C-alpha atoms as a PDB file:
ATOM      1  CA  UNK A   1      65.240 134.016-132.224  1.00  0.00           C
ATOM      2  CA  UNK A   2      63.518 131.217-134.145  1.00  0.00           C
ATOM      3  CA  UNK A   3      62.641 133.614-136.972  1.00  0.00           C
ATOM      4  CA  UNK A   4      66.271 134.786-137.083  1.00  0.00           C
ATOM      5  CA  UNK A   5      67.500 131.196-137.445  1.00  0.00           C
ATOM      6  CA  UNK A   6      65.002 130.585-140.226  1.00  0.00           C
ATOM      7  CA  UNK A   7      66.038 133.720-142.107  1.00  0.00           C
ATOM      8  CA  UNK A   8      69.709 132.825-141.724  1.00  0.00           C
ATOM      9  CA  UNK A   9      69.070 129.294-143.024  1.00  0.00           C
ATOM     10  CA  UNK A  10      67.141 130.578-146.029  1.00  0.00           C
ATOM     11  CA  UNK A  11      69.958 133.024-146.816  1.00  0.00           C
ATOM     12  CA  UNK A  12      72.511 130.222-146.551  1.00  0.00           C
ATOM     13  CA  UNK A  13      70.393 128.043-148.825  1.00  0.00           C
ATOM     14  CA  UNK A  14      70.392 130.850-151.390  1.00  0.00           C
ATOM     15  CA  UNK A  15      74.159 131.184-151.225  1.00  0.00           C
ATOM     16  CA  UNK A  16      74.718 127.436-151.459  1.00  0.00           C
ATOM     17  CA  UNK A  17      72.250 127.044-154.338  1.00  0.00           C
ATOM     18  CA  UNK A  18      73.931 129.890-156.228  1.00  0.00           C
ATOM     19  CA  UNK A  19      77.341 128.308-155.700  1.00  0.00           C
ATOM     20  CA  UNK A  20      75.989 124.920-156.777  1.00  0.00           C
ATOM     21  CA  UNK A  21      74.524 126.309-159.995  1.00  0.00           C
ATOM     22  CA  UNK A  22      77.735 128.205-160.727  1.00  0.00           C
ATOM     23  CA  UNK A  23      79.879 125.127-160.071  1.00  0.00           C
ATOM     24  CA  UNK A  24      77.884 123.167-162.637  1.00  0.00           C
ATOM     25  CA  UNK A  25      79.297 125.520-165.276  1.00  0.00           C
ATOM     26  CA  UNK A  26      82.731 123.995-164.651  1.00  0.00           C
ATOM     27  CA  UNK A  27      83.832 120.433-165.265  1.00  0.00           C
ATOM     28  CA  UNK A  28      83.784 118.137-162.258  1.00  0.00           C
ATOM     29  CA  UNK A  29      86.742 116.115-163.564  1.00  0.00           C
ATOM     30  CA  UNK A  30      89.696 116.640-165.844  1.00  0.00           C
ATOM     31  CA  UNK A  31      92.665 114.599-167.048  1.00  0.00           C
ATOM     32  CA  UNK A  32      94.448 114.817-163.684  1.00  0.00           C
ATOM     33  CA  UNK A  33      91.500 114.149-161.378  1.00  0.00           C
ATOM     34  CA  UNK A  34      89.030 116.573-159.820  1.00  0.00           C
ATOM     35  CA  UNK A  35      88.198 119.498-162.053  1.00  0.00           C
ATOM     36  CA  UNK A  36      87.590 123.141-161.124  1.00  0.00           C
ATOM     37  CA  UNK A  37      83.926 122.489-160.308  1.00  0.00           C
ATOM     38  CA  UNK A  38      84.478 119.446-158.078  1.00  0.00           C
ATOM     39  CA  UNK A  39      85.051 121.063-154.688  1.00  0.00           C
ATOM     40  CA  UNK A  40      82.551 123.930-155.108  1.00  0.00           C
ATOM     41  CA  UNK A  41      79.906 121.414-156.175  1.00  0.00           C
ATOM     42  CA  UNK A  42      80.383 119.069-153.226  1.00  0.00           C
ATOM     43  CA  UNK A  43      80.834 121.843-150.658  1.00  0.00           C
ATOM     44  CA  UNK A  44      77.618 123.444-151.887  1.00  0.00           C
ATOM     45  CA  UNK A  45      75.785 120.118-151.802  1.00  0.00           C
ATOM     46  CA  UNK A  46      76.974 119.442-148.256  1.00  0.00           C
ATOM     47  CA  UNK A  47      76.015 122.989-147.207  1.00  0.00           C
ATOM     48  CA  UNK A  48      72.541 122.562-148.689  1.00  0.00           C
ATOM     49  CA  UNK A  49      72.107 119.266-146.847  1.00  0.00           C
ATOM     50  CA  UNK A  50      73.240 120.636-143.491  1.00  0.00           C
ATOM     51  CA  UNK A  51      71.189 123.814-143.820  1.00  0.00           C
ATOM     52  CA  UNK A  52      68.155 121.736-144.795  1.00  0.00           C
ATOM     53  CA  UNK A  53      68.692 119.590-141.698  1.00  0.00           C
ATOM     54  CA  UNK A  54      68.795 122.736-139.557  1.00  0.00           C
ATOM     55  CA  UNK A  55      65.522 123.931-141.079  1.00  0.00           C
ATOM     56  CA  UNK A  56      63.885 120.555-140.359  1.00  0.00           C
ATOM     57  CA  UNK A  57      65.089 120.700-136.744  1.00  0.00           C
ATOM     58  CA  UNK A  58      63.762 124.245-136.434  1.00  0.00           C
ATOM     59  CA  UNK A  59      60.389 123.150-137.782  1.00  0.00           C
ATOM     60  CA  UNK A  60      60.237 120.265-135.311  1.00  0.00           C
ATOM     61  CA  UNK A  61      61.315 122.525-132.451  1.00  0.00           C
ATOM     62  CA  UNK A  62      64.436 120.553-131.582  1.00  0.00           C
ATOM     63  CA  UNK A  63      66.799 123.517-131.765  1.00  0.00           C
ATOM     64  CA  UNK A  64      66.695 125.737-128.729  1.00  0.00           C
ATOM     65  CA  UNK A  65      66.306 128.842-130.846  1.00  0.00           C
ATOM     66  CA  UNK A  66      64.446 130.685-128.135  1.00  0.00           C
ATOM     67  CA  UNK A  67      67.089 130.132-125.457  1.00  0.00           C
ATOM     68  CA  UNK A  68      68.864 133.148-124.082  1.00  0.00           C
ATOM     69  CA  UNK A  69      71.735 133.974-126.411  1.00  0.00           C
ATOM     70  CA  UNK A  70      74.518 136.329-125.496  1.00  0.00           C
ATOM     71  CA  UNK A  71      75.057 138.531-128.536  1.00  0.00           C
ATOM     72  CA  UNK A  72      78.236 140.303-127.509  1.00  0.00           C
ATOM     73  CA  UNK A  73      81.376 138.385-126.512  1.00  0.00           C
ATOM     74  CA  UNK A  74      82.925 138.718-123.089  1.00  0.00           C
ATOM     75  CA  UNK A  75      85.682 141.272-122.595  1.00  0.00           C
ATOM     76  CA  UNK A  76      88.395 138.610-122.628  1.00  0.00           C
ATOM     77  CA  UNK A  77      87.069 137.036-125.850  1.00  0.00           C
ATOM     78  CA  UNK A  78      86.794 140.448-127.516  1.00  0.00           C
ATOM     79  CA  UNK A  79      90.396 141.258-126.582  1.00  0.00           C
ATOM     80  CA  UNK A  80      91.591 137.937-128.006  1.00  0.00           C
ATOM     81  CA  UNK A  81      89.653 138.523-131.224  1.00  0.00           C
ATOM     82  CA  UNK A  82      91.085 142.037-131.479  1.00  0.00           C
ATOM     83  CA  UNK A  83      94.605 140.705-130.951  1.00  0.00           C
ATOM     84  CA  UNK A  84      94.111 138.165-133.736  1.00  0.00           C
ATOM     85  CA  UNK A  85      92.837 140.866-136.118  1.00  0.00           C
ATOM     86  CA  UNK A  86      95.763 143.163-135.326  1.00  0.00           C
ATOM     87  CA  UNK A  87      98.224 140.290-135.771  1.00  0.00           C
ATOM     88  CA  UNK A  88      96.675 139.354-139.120  1.00  0.00           C
ATOM     89  CA  UNK A  89      96.882 142.952-140.314  1.00  0.00           C
ATOM     90  CA  UNK A  90     100.527 143.275-139.304  1.00  0.00           C
ATOM     91  CA  UNK A  91     101.387 139.919-140.876  1.00  0.00           C
ATOM     92  CA  UNK A  92      99.668 140.893-144.135  1.00  0.00           C
ATOM     93  CA  UNK A  93     101.608 144.147-144.236  1.00  0.00           C
ATOM     94  CA  UNK A  94     104.960 142.453-143.567  1.00  0.00           C
ATOM     95  CA  UNK A  95     104.543 139.405-145.819  1.00  0.00           C
ATOM     96  CA  UNK A  96     106.069 140.944-148.960  1.00  0.00           C
ATOM     97  CA  UNK A  97     108.931 142.934-147.402  1.00  0.00           C
ATOM     98  CA  UNK A  98     110.044 140.257-144.897  1.00  0.00           C
ATOM     99  CA  UNK A  99     108.932 137.113-146.708  1.00  0.00           C
ATOM    100  CA  UNK A 100     106.842 134.204-145.518  1.00  0.00           C
ATOM    101  CA  UNK A 101     109.302 132.653-143.053  1.00  0.00           C
ATOM    102  CA  UNK A 102     110.290 135.804-141.162  1.00  0.00           C
ATOM    103  CA  UNK A 103     106.684 137.001-141.029  1.00  0.00           C
ATOM    104  CA  UNK A 104     105.109 133.741-139.912  1.00  0.00           C
ATOM    105  CA  UNK A 105     107.684 133.004-137.188  1.00  0.00           C
ATOM    106  CA  UNK A 106     106.673 135.863-134.837  1.00  0.00           C
ATOM    107  CA  UNK A 107     103.064 135.760-136.062  1.00  0.00           C
ATOM    108  CA  UNK A 108     102.537 132.145-135.025  1.00  0.00           C
ATOM    109  CA  UNK A 109     104.402 132.594-131.744  1.00  0.00           C
ATOM    110  CA  UNK A 110     102.473 135.759-130.891  1.00  0.00           C
ATOM    111  CA  UNK A 111      99.176 134.208-131.885  1.00  0.00           C
ATOM    112  CA  UNK A 112      99.761 131.191-129.665  1.00  0.00           C
ATOM    113  CA  UNK A 113     100.678 133.468-126.755  1.00  0.00           C
ATOM    114  CA  UNK A 114      97.609 135.643-127.336  1.00  0.00           C
ATOM    115  CA  UNK A 115      95.353 132.590-127.395  1.00  0.00           C
ATOM    116  CA  UNK A 116      96.670 131.285-124.105  1.00  0.00           C
ATOM    117  CA  UNK A 117      99.445 128.804-124.900  1.00  0.00           C
ATOM    118  CA  UNK A 118     101.975 128.732-122.054  1.00  0.00           C
ATOM    119  CA  UNK A 119     104.590 126.121-122.979  1.00  0.00           C
ATOM    120  CA  UNK A 120     107.483 128.075-124.470  1.00  0.00           C
ATOM    121  CA  UNK A 121     108.978 124.939-125.993  1.00  0.00           C
ATOM    122  CA  UNK A 122     105.713 124.062-127.738  1.00  0.00           C
ATOM    123  CA  UNK A 123     105.311 127.657-128.941  1.00  0.00           C
ATOM    124  CA  UNK A 124     108.864 127.728-130.332  1.00  0.00           C
ATOM    125  CA  UNK A 125     108.555 124.358-132.077  1.00  0.00           C
ATOM    126  CA  UNK A 126     105.176 125.226-133.564  1.00  0.00           C
ATOM    127  CA  UNK A 127     106.408 128.620-134.776  1.00  0.00           C
ATOM    128  CA  UNK A 128     109.514 127.142-136.435  1.00  0.00           C
ATOM    129  CA  UNK A 129     107.549 124.284-138.008  1.00  0.00           C
ATOM    130  CA  UNK A 130     104.772 126.635-139.108  1.00  0.00           C
ATOM    131  CA  UNK A 131     107.118 129.143-140.698  1.00  0.00           C
ATOM    132  CA  UNK A 132     110.221 127.373-142.000  1.00  0.00           C
ATOM    133  CA  UNK A 133     108.661 123.899-142.290  1.00  0.00           C
ATOM    134  CA  UNK A 134     105.554 125.023-144.140  1.00  0.00           C
ATOM    135  CA  UNK A 135     107.665 127.234-146.407  1.00  0.00           C
ATOM    136  CA  UNK A 136     109.920 124.304-147.285  1.00  0.00           C
ATOM    137  CA  UNK A 137     107.007 121.984-148.037  1.00  0.00           C
ATOM    138  CA  UNK A 138     105.104 124.480-150.170  1.00  0.00           C
ATOM    139  CA  UNK A 139     108.047 126.171-151.915  1.00  0.00           C
ATOM    140  CA  UNK A 140     110.314 123.217-152.643  1.00  0.00           C
ATOM    141  CA  UNK A 141     108.083 120.143-152.660  1.00  0.00           C
ATOM    142  CA  UNK A 142     104.771 121.503-153.960  1.00  0.00           C
ATOM    143  CA  UNK A 143     106.345 124.283-156.078  1.00  0.00           C
ATOM    144  CA  UNK A 144     103.974 126.934-154.725  1.00  0.00           C
ATOM    145  CA  UNK A 145     105.620 130.362-154.892  1.00  0.00           C
ATOM    146  CA  UNK A 146     105.669 132.073-151.494  1.00  0.00           C
ATOM    147  CA  UNK A 147     107.156 135.510-150.771  1.00  0.00           C
ATOM    148  CA  UNK A 148     110.868 135.318-149.959  1.00  0.00           C
ATOM    149  CA  UNK A 149     111.375 138.942-148.913  1.00  0.00           C
ATOM    150  CA  UNK A 150     114.100 141.513-149.315  1.00  0.00           C
ATOM    151  CA  UNK A 151     116.524 139.655-147.042  1.00  0.00           C
ATOM    152  CA  UNK A 152     116.296 136.472-149.093  1.00  0.00           C
ATOM    153  CA  UNK A 153     115.363 134.378-146.071  1.00  0.00           C
END
């Protein structure tokens, strides 16, 4: 397992270094504040630092890389992950025809139920806030175009 961790860290370092070099091709600032290279640069730098720290811990033997690791999830976790994937696929297919609000309302409610939430009031409030509230903030306040759908809702 230790060799696997080392290979994964080296691969991550390669990805982060590539992203860092690419981000340097963009300006870090512009007239309004952070430029297009700002976030990729800092996320890559943070990723390089954290991956380097993991490699140092592996070299010192402080990560329990040789501990028994369960590769496959339990049946319950696999079913939850499958439910999330199915829900995401259905939501992606319905986003344009139904619009953001009518798609996200049952998606959020169903996702919370699938992940184990039991308070119906909390589920309802979260679904309404996550569908209609988020739409209002992004569409009207931030001027981000979101799908409205055929029904106009």
